[in-house]
N, C-alpha and C. Protein backbone atom coordinates (compact mmCIF):
# COMPACT_ATOMS: atom_id res chain seq x y z
N MET A 1 -5.81 -37.26 -34.46
CA MET A 1 -4.64 -36.44 -34.68
C MET A 1 -3.71 -37.19 -35.62
N SER A 2 -3.30 -36.51 -36.67
CA SER A 2 -2.40 -37.17 -37.62
C SER A 2 -0.99 -37.26 -37.04
N ASP A 3 -0.19 -38.15 -37.62
CA ASP A 3 1.18 -38.33 -37.13
C ASP A 3 1.96 -37.02 -37.13
N ALA A 4 1.82 -36.23 -38.19
CA ALA A 4 2.57 -34.99 -38.30
C ALA A 4 2.22 -34.02 -37.18
N LYS A 5 0.99 -34.06 -36.71
CA LYS A 5 0.56 -33.15 -35.67
C LYS A 5 0.77 -33.71 -34.27
N ARG A 6 1.31 -34.90 -34.16
CA ARG A 6 1.56 -35.48 -32.84
C ARG A 6 2.87 -35.02 -32.24
N TYR A 7 3.70 -34.38 -33.03
CA TYR A 7 5.03 -33.99 -32.56
C TYR A 7 5.35 -32.55 -32.94
N ALA A 8 6.00 -31.85 -32.01
CA ALA A 8 6.48 -30.49 -32.26
C ALA A 8 7.97 -30.56 -32.56
N ASN A 9 8.40 -29.86 -33.57
CA ASN A 9 9.79 -29.82 -33.97
C ASN A 9 10.30 -28.39 -33.82
N PHE A 10 11.23 -28.17 -32.89
CA PHE A 10 11.79 -26.84 -32.69
C PHE A 10 13.17 -26.98 -32.05
N ASP A 11 14.02 -26.03 -32.31
CA ASP A 11 15.38 -26.01 -31.75
C ASP A 11 16.10 -27.35 -31.89
N GLY A 12 15.87 -28.03 -33.00
CA GLY A 12 16.54 -29.31 -33.23
C GLY A 12 16.01 -30.46 -32.38
N MET A 13 14.85 -30.27 -31.76
CA MET A 13 14.26 -31.30 -30.90
C MET A 13 12.87 -31.67 -31.42
N PHE A 14 12.45 -32.89 -31.13
CA PHE A 14 11.09 -33.34 -31.39
C PHE A 14 10.46 -33.70 -30.05
N TRP A 15 9.28 -33.13 -29.79
CA TRP A 15 8.55 -33.41 -28.55
C TRP A 15 7.14 -33.84 -28.89
N PRO A 16 6.62 -34.86 -28.22
CA PRO A 16 5.25 -35.27 -28.48
C PRO A 16 4.27 -34.23 -27.96
N ILE A 17 3.20 -34.05 -28.70
CA ILE A 17 2.13 -33.15 -28.29
C ILE A 17 1.02 -34.00 -27.70
N PRO A 18 0.72 -33.81 -26.42
CA PRO A 18 -0.34 -34.61 -25.79
C PRO A 18 -1.70 -34.35 -26.46
N GLU A 19 -2.54 -35.38 -26.49
CA GLU A 19 -3.89 -35.21 -27.01
C GLU A 19 -4.66 -34.32 -26.06
N GLU A 20 -5.44 -33.41 -26.61
CA GLU A 20 -6.14 -32.44 -25.79
C GLU A 20 -7.40 -33.01 -25.14
N HIS A 21 -8.12 -33.81 -25.86
CA HIS A 21 -9.39 -34.33 -25.36
C HIS A 21 -9.33 -35.84 -25.25
N THR A 22 -10.03 -36.36 -24.28
CA THR A 22 -10.15 -37.81 -24.15
C THR A 22 -11.40 -38.23 -24.91
N GLU A 23 -11.18 -38.88 -26.04
CA GLU A 23 -12.28 -39.37 -26.86
C GLU A 23 -12.15 -40.88 -26.97
N PHE A 24 -13.16 -41.51 -27.49
CA PHE A 24 -13.15 -42.97 -27.58
C PHE A 24 -12.03 -43.51 -28.45
N ASP A 25 -11.51 -42.70 -29.35
CA ASP A 25 -10.42 -43.17 -30.21
C ASP A 25 -9.06 -42.61 -29.81
N SER A 26 -9.00 -41.91 -28.66
CA SER A 26 -7.71 -41.36 -28.23
C SER A 26 -6.83 -42.47 -27.67
N VAL A 27 -5.54 -42.25 -27.71
CA VAL A 27 -4.61 -43.24 -27.18
C VAL A 27 -4.83 -43.43 -25.68
N GLU A 28 -5.08 -42.35 -24.96
CA GLU A 28 -5.33 -42.48 -23.52
C GLU A 28 -6.54 -43.38 -23.26
N TRP A 29 -7.63 -43.17 -23.98
CA TRP A 29 -8.83 -43.97 -23.78
C TRP A 29 -8.53 -45.43 -24.10
N LYS A 30 -7.84 -45.67 -25.21
CA LYS A 30 -7.50 -47.04 -25.59
C LYS A 30 -6.65 -47.72 -24.51
N LEU A 31 -5.67 -47.00 -23.98
CA LEU A 31 -4.81 -47.58 -22.94
C LEU A 31 -5.61 -47.98 -21.71
N ARG A 32 -6.57 -47.15 -21.34
CA ARG A 32 -7.36 -47.41 -20.14
C ARG A 32 -8.45 -48.47 -20.33
N TYR A 33 -9.17 -48.39 -21.45
CA TYR A 33 -10.39 -49.16 -21.58
C TYR A 33 -10.40 -50.19 -22.71
N SER A 34 -9.49 -50.09 -23.64
CA SER A 34 -9.53 -50.99 -24.79
C SER A 34 -8.12 -51.25 -25.33
N PRO A 35 -7.22 -51.76 -24.49
CA PRO A 35 -5.83 -51.92 -24.93
C PRO A 35 -5.67 -52.85 -26.13
N GLN A 36 -6.61 -53.74 -26.35
CA GLN A 36 -6.50 -54.64 -27.50
C GLN A 36 -6.63 -53.89 -28.83
N THR A 37 -7.12 -52.65 -28.81
CA THR A 37 -7.27 -51.88 -30.04
C THR A 37 -6.06 -51.00 -30.35
N LEU A 38 -5.07 -51.00 -29.46
CA LEU A 38 -3.88 -50.16 -29.69
C LEU A 38 -3.07 -50.66 -30.88
N SER A 39 -2.67 -49.72 -31.72
CA SER A 39 -1.79 -50.05 -32.83
C SER A 39 -0.34 -49.87 -32.37
N ARG A 40 0.58 -50.34 -33.15
CA ARG A 40 2.00 -50.13 -32.85
C ARG A 40 2.29 -48.63 -32.78
N GLU A 41 1.70 -47.88 -33.68
CA GLU A 41 1.86 -46.42 -33.70
C GLU A 41 1.37 -45.81 -32.39
N ASP A 42 0.21 -46.25 -31.90
CA ASP A 42 -0.32 -45.76 -30.63
C ASP A 42 0.64 -46.06 -29.48
N MET A 43 1.19 -47.27 -29.47
CA MET A 43 2.11 -47.66 -28.39
C MET A 43 3.39 -46.81 -28.43
N LEU A 44 3.91 -46.55 -29.62
CA LEU A 44 5.11 -45.73 -29.73
C LEU A 44 4.83 -44.28 -29.30
N TYR A 45 3.65 -43.78 -29.66
CA TYR A 45 3.26 -42.44 -29.25
C TYR A 45 3.14 -42.37 -27.72
N ALA A 46 2.50 -43.35 -27.11
CA ALA A 46 2.37 -43.40 -25.65
C ALA A 46 3.75 -43.46 -24.99
N ALA A 47 4.64 -44.27 -25.55
CA ALA A 47 5.99 -44.37 -25.00
C ALA A 47 6.71 -43.02 -25.10
N SER A 48 6.48 -42.29 -26.19
CA SER A 48 7.15 -40.99 -26.34
C SER A 48 6.62 -39.98 -25.33
N ILE A 49 5.33 -40.06 -25.01
CA ILE A 49 4.75 -39.17 -23.98
C ILE A 49 5.37 -39.48 -22.62
N ILE A 50 5.51 -40.76 -22.29
CA ILE A 50 6.11 -41.16 -21.01
C ILE A 50 7.56 -40.69 -20.94
N ASN A 51 8.30 -40.87 -22.02
CA ASN A 51 9.69 -40.44 -22.06
C ASN A 51 9.81 -38.93 -21.94
N ALA A 52 8.93 -38.20 -22.61
CA ALA A 52 8.96 -36.73 -22.55
C ALA A 52 8.68 -36.24 -21.13
N TYR A 53 7.72 -36.86 -20.48
CA TYR A 53 7.40 -36.50 -19.09
C TYR A 53 8.62 -36.68 -18.20
N SER A 54 9.26 -37.82 -18.33
CA SER A 54 10.45 -38.10 -17.53
C SER A 54 11.56 -37.08 -17.83
N SER A 55 11.74 -36.78 -19.08
CA SER A 55 12.76 -35.81 -19.47
C SER A 55 12.47 -34.42 -18.91
N LEU A 56 11.21 -34.00 -18.97
CA LEU A 56 10.85 -32.67 -18.45
C LEU A 56 11.08 -32.57 -16.95
N ILE A 57 10.77 -33.63 -16.24
CA ILE A 57 10.94 -33.64 -14.78
C ILE A 57 12.40 -33.42 -14.39
N HIS A 58 13.32 -33.93 -15.20
CA HIS A 58 14.74 -33.84 -14.87
C HIS A 58 15.45 -32.61 -15.45
N LYS A 59 14.73 -31.78 -16.19
CA LYS A 59 15.32 -30.56 -16.74
C LYS A 59 15.29 -29.44 -15.71
N THR A 60 16.14 -28.45 -15.93
CA THR A 60 16.07 -27.25 -15.09
C THR A 60 14.78 -26.51 -15.43
N ILE A 61 14.36 -25.63 -14.53
CA ILE A 61 13.14 -24.86 -14.77
C ILE A 61 13.27 -24.06 -16.07
N LYS A 62 14.41 -23.47 -16.31
CA LYS A 62 14.62 -22.67 -17.52
C LYS A 62 14.46 -23.54 -18.77
N ASN A 63 15.10 -24.70 -18.77
CA ASN A 63 14.99 -25.59 -19.93
C ASN A 63 13.58 -26.15 -20.09
N ARG A 64 12.96 -26.52 -18.98
CA ARG A 64 11.60 -27.04 -19.02
C ARG A 64 10.64 -25.99 -19.58
N ASN A 65 10.77 -24.76 -19.12
CA ASN A 65 9.90 -23.70 -19.61
C ASN A 65 10.12 -23.45 -21.10
N ALA A 66 11.35 -23.55 -21.56
CA ALA A 66 11.65 -23.36 -22.98
C ALA A 66 10.99 -24.46 -23.83
N VAL A 67 11.02 -25.69 -23.33
CA VAL A 67 10.40 -26.81 -24.05
C VAL A 67 8.89 -26.63 -24.09
N VAL A 68 8.29 -26.30 -22.96
CA VAL A 68 6.84 -26.11 -22.91
C VAL A 68 6.42 -24.97 -23.83
N LYS A 69 7.19 -23.90 -23.83
CA LYS A 69 6.91 -22.77 -24.72
C LYS A 69 6.97 -23.21 -26.18
N GLY A 70 7.98 -23.99 -26.53
CA GLY A 70 8.11 -24.48 -27.90
C GLY A 70 6.95 -25.36 -28.31
N ILE A 71 6.52 -26.23 -27.41
CA ILE A 71 5.38 -27.10 -27.71
C ILE A 71 4.11 -26.27 -27.89
N ARG A 72 3.89 -25.31 -27.01
CA ARG A 72 2.70 -24.45 -27.12
C ARG A 72 2.71 -23.65 -28.41
N GLU A 73 3.87 -23.13 -28.78
CA GLU A 73 3.98 -22.38 -30.04
C GLU A 73 3.68 -23.27 -31.24
N ALA A 74 4.15 -24.51 -31.19
CA ALA A 74 3.88 -25.45 -32.29
C ALA A 74 2.39 -25.75 -32.38
N ILE A 75 1.73 -25.89 -31.23
CA ILE A 75 0.29 -26.15 -31.21
C ILE A 75 -0.45 -24.96 -31.83
N LEU A 76 -0.10 -23.75 -31.43
CA LEU A 76 -0.76 -22.57 -31.96
C LEU A 76 -0.49 -22.39 -33.46
N LYS A 77 0.75 -22.65 -33.85
CA LYS A 77 1.16 -22.50 -35.26
C LYS A 77 0.38 -23.45 -36.15
N GLU A 78 0.22 -24.69 -35.71
CA GLU A 78 -0.46 -25.71 -36.51
C GLU A 78 -1.95 -25.76 -36.24
N ASP A 79 -2.40 -25.00 -35.24
CA ASP A 79 -3.82 -25.01 -34.83
C ASP A 79 -4.28 -26.43 -34.57
N ILE A 80 -3.53 -27.12 -33.72
CA ILE A 80 -3.83 -28.51 -33.39
C ILE A 80 -4.99 -28.57 -32.43
């Protein structure tokens, strides 16, 4: 996934788009099985996913649903 496709931009916000599949070169796979191969970019992306999760948990249902809708629309728009 390219950098541009890792993030959704809507309503003045940027949200990370989680990787859909676990492959040998995915950040999730690297974190679990090969952390020595992580790049700085991978680590920042992983940190943004963790931060987004925390942020979503503390939002109201209405706000959380709006964010999830925006991310899904960005995925469909870009065909990620």
